[in-house]
Amino acid sequence: MISKWFDLRNRAISRRKSGISIGQIERELGIPRSTLSGWFKNTHLTEFQKKKLYLNSKKGLVLARKRAVMWHNRQRQLRIRKAQEEAIQTLSKIDVNNKSVLELALAMLYLGEGSKSNLTSMGNTNPLILRFFIRSIEILFGVSKASIMCDLHLRSNQSAKEAIKYWSRELGLSKTKFIVMKDKRVAKSKTFAHYKGVCNVRFGRIAIQRRIVHLAEEFSKIAIARSVSSVGRASA
């Protein structure tokens, strides 16, 4: 029985000899791979044709990888956009001008990132977190920037001058507020340009630390108790 694709046989073989992969011929002509494999079984390729087929295969693989990266990047951007939209939707339900809300946000951040020693301080590599910390203590407790000091922890191959300039600009503090501490060990790995060290913002009012740490701990206990209670009611 003659295959319904028989009229395309010569064209398919010609495409194969020109260095086109079976997969591409299958897509172009709509012929099943099993049929193509049978046709190509006795098709002998010259060394030149084999080399061309190999090069085309490599090009196809590179192109496929590029397309895969582009697809994953698009999907990532969609996920990021969705997360941003959900965050904005949640914020629309919160009174961000309420000082109690601000203090709770500060307390939870401090519980995770702040120092629990005899000093109210917070260190981070992210200027946004430290800007929030500084602005929150200004609004809630009247802490002035004049009472704030910053310790910069840098790698041995980083410029102290450039780091101070960067953090001074990002935090809106005078350059005189920064003390540089360098790791004496020689950096074994490359220091990337985006890494500006760890900045530790500190001031001496320990009472503020006690207040916000206790606030965060008590809120956590209440939230846990309520969630456990909710789960119990749902399963009853």
C-alpha atoms as a PDB file:
ATOM      1  CA  MET A   1       0.000   0.000   0.000  1.00  0.00           C
ATOM      2  CA  ILE A   2       1.413   3.342  -1.054  1.00  0.00           C
ATOM      3  CA  SER A   3       1.708   5.893   1.740  1.00  0.00           C
ATOM      4  CA  LYS A   4      -0.458   9.008   1.383  1.00  0.00           C
ATOM      5  CA  TRP A   5       2.734  11.026   1.820  1.00  0.00           C
ATOM      6  CA  PHE A   6       4.543   9.183  -1.002  1.00  0.00           C
ATOM      7  CA  ASP A   7       4.377  12.206  -3.338  1.00  0.00           C
ATOM      8  CA  LEU A   8       6.465  14.121  -0.789  1.00  0.00           C
ATOM      9  CA  ARG A   9       9.129  11.403  -0.530  1.00  0.00           C
ATOM     10  CA  ASN A  10      11.628  12.914  -2.960  1.00  0.00           C
ATOM     11  CA  ARG A  11      11.187  16.356  -1.461  1.00  0.00           C
ATOM     12  CA  ALA A  12      11.762  15.009   2.046  1.00  0.00           C
ATOM     13  CA  ILE A  13      14.911  13.142   0.990  1.00  0.00           C
ATOM     14  CA  SER A  14      16.197  16.258  -0.786  1.00  0.00           C
ATOM     15  CA  ARG A  15      15.653  18.289   2.369  1.00  0.00           C
ATOM     16  CA  ARG A  16      17.478  15.670   4.407  1.00  0.00           C
ATOM     17  CA  LYS A  17      20.469  15.731   2.073  1.00  0.00           C
ATOM     18  CA  SER A  18      20.583  19.513   2.323  1.00  0.00           C
ATOM     19  CA  GLY A  19      21.299  19.142   6.053  1.00  0.00           C
ATOM     20  CA  ILE A  20      17.823  19.531   7.555  1.00  0.00           C
ATOM     21  CA  SER A  21      16.968  17.540  10.681  1.00  0.00           C
ATOM     22  CA  ILE A  22      14.223  14.923  10.753  1.00  0.00           C
ATOM     23  CA  GLY A  23      12.323  16.987  13.302  1.00  0.00           C
ATOM     24  CA  GLN A  24      12.290  20.071  11.097  1.00  0.00           C
ATOM     25  CA  ILE A  25      11.230  18.069   8.007  1.00  0.00           C
ATOM     26  CA  GLU A  26       8.466  16.508  10.092  1.00  0.00           C
ATOM     27  CA  ARG A  27       7.200  19.970  11.052  1.00  0.00           C
ATOM     28  CA  GLU A  28       7.543  21.425   7.555  1.00  0.00           C
ATOM     29  CA  LEU A  29       5.859  18.631   5.598  1.00  0.00           C
ATOM     30  CA  GLY A  30       3.603  17.131   8.235  1.00  0.00           C
ATOM     31  CA  ILE A  31       4.973  13.636   7.654  1.00  0.00           C
ATOM     32  CA  PRO A  32       5.214  11.259  10.659  1.00  0.00           C
ATOM     33  CA  ARG A  33       8.727  10.646  11.958  1.00  0.00           C
ATOM     34  CA  SER A  34       8.296   6.883  11.591  1.00  0.00           C
ATOM     35  CA  THR A  35       7.644   7.313   7.843  1.00  0.00           C
ATOM     36  CA  LEU A  36      10.598   9.677   7.461  1.00  0.00           C
ATOM     37  CA  SER A  37      12.907   7.275   9.312  1.00  0.00           C
ATOM     38  CA  GLY A  38      11.964   4.511   6.876  1.00  0.00           C
ATOM     39  CA  TRP A  39      12.621   6.721   3.885  1.00  0.00           C
ATOM     40  CA  PHE A  40      15.959   7.947   5.202  1.00  0.00           C
ATOM     41  CA  LYS A  41      17.170   4.486   6.242  1.00  0.00           C
ATOM     42  CA  ASN A  42      18.865   3.866   2.925  1.00  0.00           C
ATOM     43  CA  THR A  43      19.699   7.490   2.222  1.00  0.00           C
ATOM     44  CA  HIS A  44      23.482   7.793   2.243  1.00  0.00           C
ATOM     45  CA  LEU A  45      24.939  11.173   3.107  1.00  0.00           C
ATOM     46  CA  THR A  46      28.317  12.474   2.019  1.00  0.00           C
ATOM     47  CA  GLU A  47      30.784  13.714   4.625  1.00  0.00           C
ATOM     48  CA  PHE A  48      29.935  17.260   3.582  1.00  0.00           C
ATOM     49  CA  GLN A  49      26.210  16.597   4.063  1.00  0.00           C
ATOM     50  CA  LYS A  50      26.842  14.987   7.451  1.00  0.00           C
ATOM     51  CA  LYS A  51      28.908  17.987   8.547  1.00  0.00           C
ATOM     52  CA  LYS A  52      26.227  20.388   7.377  1.00  0.00           C
ATOM     53  CA  LEU A  53      23.576  18.389   9.233  1.00  0.00           C
ATOM     54  CA  TYR A  54      25.728  18.490  12.381  1.00  0.00           C
ATOM     55  CA  LEU A  55      26.260  22.257  12.136  1.00  0.00           C
ATOM     56  CA  ASN A  56      22.566  22.876  11.536  1.00  0.00           C
ATOM     57  CA  SER A  57      21.801  20.704  14.552  1.00  0.00           C
ATOM     58  CA  LYS A  58      24.146  22.783  16.719  1.00  0.00           C
ATOM     59  CA  LYS A  59      22.601  26.015  15.468  1.00  0.00           C
ATOM     60  CA  GLY A  60      19.149  24.634  16.195  1.00  0.00           C
ATOM     61  CA  LEU A  61      20.194  23.690  19.718  1.00  0.00           C
ATOM     62  CA  VAL A  62      21.596  27.162  20.382  1.00  0.00           C
ATOM     63  CA  LEU A  63      18.427  28.760  19.024  1.00  0.00           C
ATOM     64  CA  ALA A  64      16.259  26.453  21.128  1.00  0.00           C
ATOM     65  CA  ARG A  65      18.213  27.390  24.248  1.00  0.00           C
ATOM     66  CA  LYS A  66      17.831  31.096  23.499  1.00  0.00           C
ATOM     67  CA  ARG A  67      14.095  30.663  23.007  1.00  0.00           C
ATOM     68  CA  ALA A  68      13.861  28.696  26.268  1.00  0.00           C
ATOM     69  CA  VAL A  69      15.698  31.469  28.158  1.00  0.00           C
ATOM     70  CA  MET A  70      13.418  34.112  26.615  1.00  0.00           C
ATOM     71  CA  TRP A  71      10.334  32.080  27.559  1.00  0.00           C
ATOM     72  CA  HIS A  72      11.508  31.616  31.145  1.00  0.00           C
ATOM     73  CA  ASN A  73      12.321  35.334  31.407  1.00  0.00           C
ATOM     74  CA  ARG A  74       8.834  36.243  30.160  1.00  0.00           C
ATOM     75  CA  GLN A  75       7.258  33.855  32.659  1.00  0.00           C
ATOM     76  CA  ARG A  76       9.400  35.320  35.443  1.00  0.00           C
ATOM     77  CA  GLN A  77       8.316  38.860  34.533  1.00  0.00           C
ATOM     78  CA  LEU A  78       4.672  37.762  34.595  1.00  0.00           C
ATOM     79  CA  ARG A  79       5.138  36.219  38.046  1.00  0.00           C
ATOM     80  CA  ILE A  80       6.862  39.383  39.315  1.00  0.00           C
ATOM     81  CA  ARG A  81       4.076  41.567  37.898  1.00  0.00           C
ATOM     82  CA  LYS A  82       1.445  39.375  39.541  1.00  0.00           C
ATOM     83  CA  ALA A  83       3.243  39.589  42.896  1.00  0.00           C
ATOM     84  CA  GLN A  84       3.439  43.383  42.601  1.00  0.00           C
ATOM     85  CA  GLU A  85      -0.266  43.638  41.789  1.00  0.00           C
ATOM     86  CA  GLU A  86      -1.149  41.410  44.750  1.00  0.00           C
ATOM     87  CA  ALA A  87       1.061  43.517  47.053  1.00  0.00           C
ATOM     88  CA  ILE A  88      -0.635  46.735  45.913  1.00  0.00           C
ATOM     89  CA  GLN A  89      -4.048  45.132  46.415  1.00  0.00           C
ATOM     90  CA  THR A  90      -3.123  44.137  49.982  1.00  0.00           C
ATOM     91  CA  LEU A  91      -1.756  47.626  50.752  1.00  0.00           C
ATOM     92  CA  SER A  92      -5.002  49.186  49.536  1.00  0.00           C
ATOM     93  CA  LYS A  93      -6.720  47.496  52.513  1.00  0.00           C
ATOM     94  CA  ILE A  94      -4.246  48.883  55.074  1.00  0.00           C
ATOM     95  CA  ASP A  95      -4.099  52.381  56.549  1.00  0.00           C
ATOM     96  CA  VAL A  96      -0.409  53.039  55.957  1.00  0.00           C
ATOM     97  CA  ASN A  97      -0.695  56.402  57.745  1.00  0.00           C
ATOM     98  CA  ASN A  98      -1.682  54.682  60.988  1.00  0.00           C
ATOM     99  CA  LYS A  99       1.290  54.853  63.365  1.00  0.00           C
ATOM    100  CA  SER A 100       0.333  51.581  65.040  1.00  0.00           C
ATOM    101  CA  VAL A 101       0.585  49.831  61.665  1.00  0.00           C
ATOM    102  CA  LEU A 102       3.951  51.463  61.042  1.00  0.00           C
ATOM    103  CA  GLU A 103       5.257  50.462  64.474  1.00  0.00           C
ATOM    104  CA  LEU A 104       4.124  46.864  64.015  1.00  0.00           C
ATOM    105  CA  ALA A 105       5.863  46.721  60.605  1.00  0.00           C
ATOM    106  CA  LEU A 106       9.029  48.140  62.181  1.00  0.00           C
ATOM    107  CA  ALA A 107       8.796  45.695  65.088  1.00  0.00           C
ATOM    108  CA  MET A 108       8.467  42.629  62.856  1.00  0.00           C
ATOM    109  CA  LEU A 109      11.374  43.792  60.708  1.00  0.00           C
ATOM    110  CA  TYR A 110      13.490  44.450  63.785  1.00  0.00           C
ATOM    111  CA  LEU A 111      12.697  41.053  65.289  1.00  0.00           C
ATOM    112  CA  GLY A 112      14.178  39.441  62.184  1.00  0.00           C
ATOM    113  CA  GLU A 113      16.958  41.855  61.234  1.00  0.00           C
ATOM    114  CA  GLY A 114      17.770  44.058  64.228  1.00  0.00           C
ATOM    115  CA  SER A 115      20.418  43.691  66.919  1.00  0.00           C
ATOM    116  CA  LYS A 116      19.293  42.230  70.258  1.00  0.00           C
ATOM    117  CA  SER A 117      22.406  43.466  72.148  1.00  0.00           C
ATOM    118  CA  ASN A 118      22.592  46.580  74.348  1.00  0.00           C
ATOM    119  CA  LEU A 119      22.229  48.819  71.331  1.00  0.00           C
ATOM    120  CA  THR A 120      19.350  49.617  68.996  1.00  0.00           C
ATOM    121  CA  SER A 121      20.770  48.903  65.560  1.00  0.00           C
ATOM    122  CA  MET A 122      20.091  47.188  62.267  1.00  0.00           C
ATOM    123  CA  GLY A 123      22.522  46.022  59.608  1.00  0.00           C
ATOM    124  CA  ASN A 124      21.753  45.191  56.011  1.00  0.00           C
ATOM    125  CA  THR A 125      23.020  45.306  52.441  1.00  0.00           C
ATOM    126  CA  ASN A 126      19.721  46.726  51.185  1.00  0.00           C
ATOM    127  CA  PRO A 127      19.439  50.543  51.459  1.00  0.00           C
ATOM    128  CA  LEU A 128      15.626  50.368  51.248  1.00  0.00           C
ATOM    129  CA  ILE A 129      15.393  48.394  54.497  1.00  0.00           C
ATOM    130  CA  LEU A 130      17.673  50.837  56.309  1.00  0.00           C
ATOM    131  CA  ARG A 131      15.849  53.869  54.911  1.00  0.00           C
ATOM    132  CA  PHE A 132      12.622  52.395  56.282  1.00  0.00           C
ATOM    133  CA  PHE A 133      14.278  51.774  59.648  1.00  0.00           C
ATOM    134  CA  ILE A 134      15.584  55.353  59.888  1.00  0.00           C
ATOM    135  CA  ARG A 135      12.341  56.965  58.730  1.00  0.00           C
ATOM    136  CA  SER A 136      10.232  54.819  61.088  1.00  0.00           C
ATOM    137  CA  ILE A 137      12.241  55.684  64.209  1.00  0.00           C
ATOM    138  CA  GLU A 138      12.100  59.360  63.193  1.00  0.00           C
ATOM    139  CA  ILE A 139       8.304  59.322  62.892  1.00  0.00           C
ATOM    140  CA  LEU A 140       7.507  57.054  65.834  1.00  0.00           C
ATOM    141  CA  PHE A 141      10.117  58.002  68.417  1.00  0.00           C
ATOM    142  CA  GLY A 142      11.503  61.345  67.297  1.00  0.00           C
ATOM    143  CA  VAL A 143      15.014  59.967  66.788  1.00  0.00           C
ATOM    144  CA  SER A 144      17.011  62.594  64.931  1.00  0.00           C
ATOM    145  CA  LYS A 145      19.585  61.780  62.280  1.00  0.00           C
ATOM    146  CA  ALA A 146      22.095  63.687  64.402  1.00  0.00           C
ATOM    147  CA  SER A 147      22.049  60.827  66.944  1.00  0.00           C
ATOM    148  CA  ILE A 148      22.557  58.085  64.347  1.00  0.00           C
ATOM    149  CA  MET A 149      25.919  56.509  63.513  1.00  0.00           C
ATOM    150  CA  CYS A 150      26.733  53.885  60.878  1.00  0.00           C
ATOM    151  CA  ASP A 151      29.335  51.135  60.714  1.00  0.00           C
ATOM    152  CA  LEU A 152      30.320  50.009  57.230  1.00  0.00           C
ATOM    153  CA  HIS A 153      31.638  46.458  56.971  1.00  0.00           C
ATOM    154  CA  LEU A 154      33.592  46.116  53.731  1.00  0.00           C
ATOM    155  CA  ARG A 155      35.734  43.522  52.025  1.00  0.00           C
ATOM    156  CA  SER A 156      39.481  44.148  51.907  1.00  0.00           C
ATOM    157  CA  ASN A 157      39.457  45.192  48.234  1.00  0.00           C
ATOM    158  CA  GLN A 158      36.618  47.713  48.491  1.00  0.00           C
ATOM    159  CA  SER A 159      37.093  51.476  48.456  1.00  0.00           C
ATOM    160  CA  ALA A 160      36.078  53.063  51.773  1.00  0.00           C
ATOM    161  CA  LYS A 161      35.628  56.444  50.092  1.00  0.00           C
ATOM    162  CA  GLU A 162      33.265  55.084  47.433  1.00  0.00           C
ATOM    163  CA  ALA A 163      31.296  53.031  49.969  1.00  0.00           C
ATOM    164  CA  ILE A 164      30.785  56.043  52.261  1.00  0.00           C
ATOM    165  CA  LYS A 165      29.694  58.146  49.284  1.00  0.00           C
ATOM    166  CA  TYR A 166      27.168  55.483  48.247  1.00  0.00           C
ATOM    167  CA  TRP A 167      25.624  54.897  51.688  1.00  0.00           C
ATOM    168  CA  SER A 168      25.609  58.588  52.560  1.00  0.00           C
ATOM    169  CA  ARG A 169      23.580  59.303  49.435  1.00  0.00           C
ATOM    170  CA  GLU A 170      21.240  56.315  49.888  1.00  0.00           C
ATOM    171  CA  LEU A 171      20.444  56.977  53.560  1.00  0.00           C
ATOM    172  CA  GLY A 172      20.505  60.773  53.490  1.00  0.00           C
ATOM    173  CA  LEU A 173      23.170  60.944  56.204  1.00  0.00           C
ATOM    174  CA  SER A 174      26.325  63.016  56.455  1.00  0.00           C
ATOM    175  CA  LYS A 175      29.544  61.264  55.416  1.00  0.00           C
ATOM    176  CA  THR A 176      30.870  62.025  58.906  1.00  0.00           C
ATOM    177  CA  LYS A 177      28.352  59.530  60.301  1.00  0.00           C
ATOM    178  CA  PHE A 178      30.174  56.527  58.831  1.00  0.00           C
ATOM    179  CA  ILE A 179      32.932  54.410  60.352  1.00  0.00           C
ATOM    180  CA  VAL A 180      34.576  51.870  58.043  1.00  0.00           C
ATOM    181  CA  MET A 181      35.559  48.395  59.196  1.00  0.00           C
ATOM    182  CA  LYS A 182      37.404  46.219  56.694  1.00  0.00           C
ATOM    183  CA  ASP A 183      37.784  42.465  56.652  1.00  0.00           C
ATOM    184  CA  LYS A 184      41.553  41.979  57.010  1.00  0.00           C
ATOM    185  CA  ARG A 185      41.454  38.749  55.038  1.00  0.00           C
ATOM    186  CA  VAL A 186      42.233  39.054  51.337  1.00  0.00           C
ATOM    187  CA  ALA A 187      39.108  38.427  49.264  1.00  0.00           C
ATOM    188  CA  LYS A 188      39.399  35.027  47.584  1.00  0.00           C
ATOM    189  CA  SER A 189      36.445  35.626  45.292  1.00  0.00           C
ATOM    190  CA  LYS A 190      35.545  38.567  43.082  1.00  0.00           C
ATOM    191  CA  THR A 191      33.653  41.443  44.709  1.00  0.00           C
ATOM    192  CA  PHE A 192      30.783  42.346  42.394  1.00  0.00           C
ATOM    193  CA  ALA A 193      30.154  46.002  41.585  1.00  0.00           C
ATOM    194  CA  HIS A 194      26.626  45.908  43.027  1.00  0.00           C
ATOM    195  CA  TYR A 195      27.892  44.792  46.451  1.00  0.00           C
ATOM    196  CA  LYS A 196      28.395  47.865  48.638  1.00  0.00           C
ATOM    197  CA  GLY A 197      29.132  46.104  51.906  1.00  0.00           C
ATOM    198  CA  VAL A 198      26.977  45.820  55.029  1.00  0.00           C
ATOM    199  CA  CYS A 199      25.809  49.031  56.654  1.00  0.00           C
ATOM    200  CA  ASN A 200      24.861  48.909  60.330  1.00  0.00           C
ATOM    201  CA  VAL A 201      22.696  51.823  61.507  1.00  0.00           C
ATOM    202  CA  ARG A 202      22.822  52.354  65.270  1.00  0.00           C
ATOM    203  CA  PHE A 203      21.775  54.716  68.044  1.00  0.00           C
ATOM    204  CA  GLY A 204      21.772  54.447  71.834  1.00  0.00           C
ATOM    205  CA  ARG A 205      18.129  54.368  72.932  1.00  0.00           C
ATOM    206  CA  ILE A 206      17.834  50.770  74.149  1.00  0.00           C
ATOM    207  CA  ALA A 207      14.267  51.397  75.375  1.00  0.00           C
ATOM    208  CA  ILE A 208      13.101  51.563  71.761  1.00  0.00           C
ATOM    209  CA  GLN A 209      14.613  48.176  71.041  1.00  0.00           C
ATOM    210  CA  ARG A 210      12.899  46.611  74.078  1.00  0.00           C
ATOM    211  CA  ARG A 211       9.551  48.092  73.086  1.00  0.00           C
ATOM    212  CA  ILE A 212       9.511  46.992  69.453  1.00  0.00           C
ATOM    213  CA  VAL A 213      11.000  43.544  70.143  1.00  0.00           C
ATOM    214  CA  HIS A 214       8.318  42.838  72.764  1.00  0.00           C
ATOM    215  CA  LEU A 215       5.663  44.166  70.386  1.00  0.00           C
ATOM    216  CA  ALA A 216       6.819  41.804  67.640  1.00  0.00           C
ATOM    217  CA  GLU A 217       7.024  38.827  69.992  1.00  0.00           C
ATOM    218  CA  GLU A 218       3.572  39.411  71.502  1.00  0.00           C
ATOM    219  CA  PHE A 219       2.013  39.927  68.069  1.00  0.00           C
ATOM    220  CA  SER A 220       3.609  36.702  66.845  1.00  0.00           C
ATOM    221  CA  LYS A 221       2.164  34.802  69.824  1.00  0.00           C
ATOM    222  CA  ILE A 222      -1.315  36.226  69.200  1.00  0.00           C
ATOM    223  CA  ALA A 223      -1.154  35.471  65.474  1.00  0.00           C
ATOM    224  CA  ILE A 224      -0.017  31.897  66.131  1.00  0.00           C
ATOM    225  CA  ALA A 225      -2.745  31.327  68.723  1.00  0.00           C
ATOM    226  CA  ARG A 226      -5.428  32.667  66.399  1.00  0.00           C
ATOM    227  CA  SER A 227      -4.239  30.597  63.453  1.00  0.00           C
ATOM    228  CA  VAL A 228      -4.179  27.438  65.583  1.00  0.00           C
ATOM    229  CA  SER A 229      -7.669  28.270  66.854  1.00  0.00           C
ATOM    230  CA  SER A 230      -8.923  28.824  63.299  1.00  0.00           C
ATOM    231  CA  VAL A 231      -7.510  25.503  62.146  1.00  0.00           C
ATOM    232  CA  GLY A 232      -9.187  23.766  65.109  1.00  0.00           C
ATOM    233  CA  ARG A 233     -12.584  25.266  64.277  1.00  0.00           C
ATOM    234  CA  ALA A 234     -12.227  24.378  60.602  1.00  0.00           C
ATOM    235  CA  SER A 235     -11.437  20.722  61.369  1.00  0.00           C
ATOM    236  CA  ALA A 236     -14.190  20.352  63.989  1.00  0.00           C
END
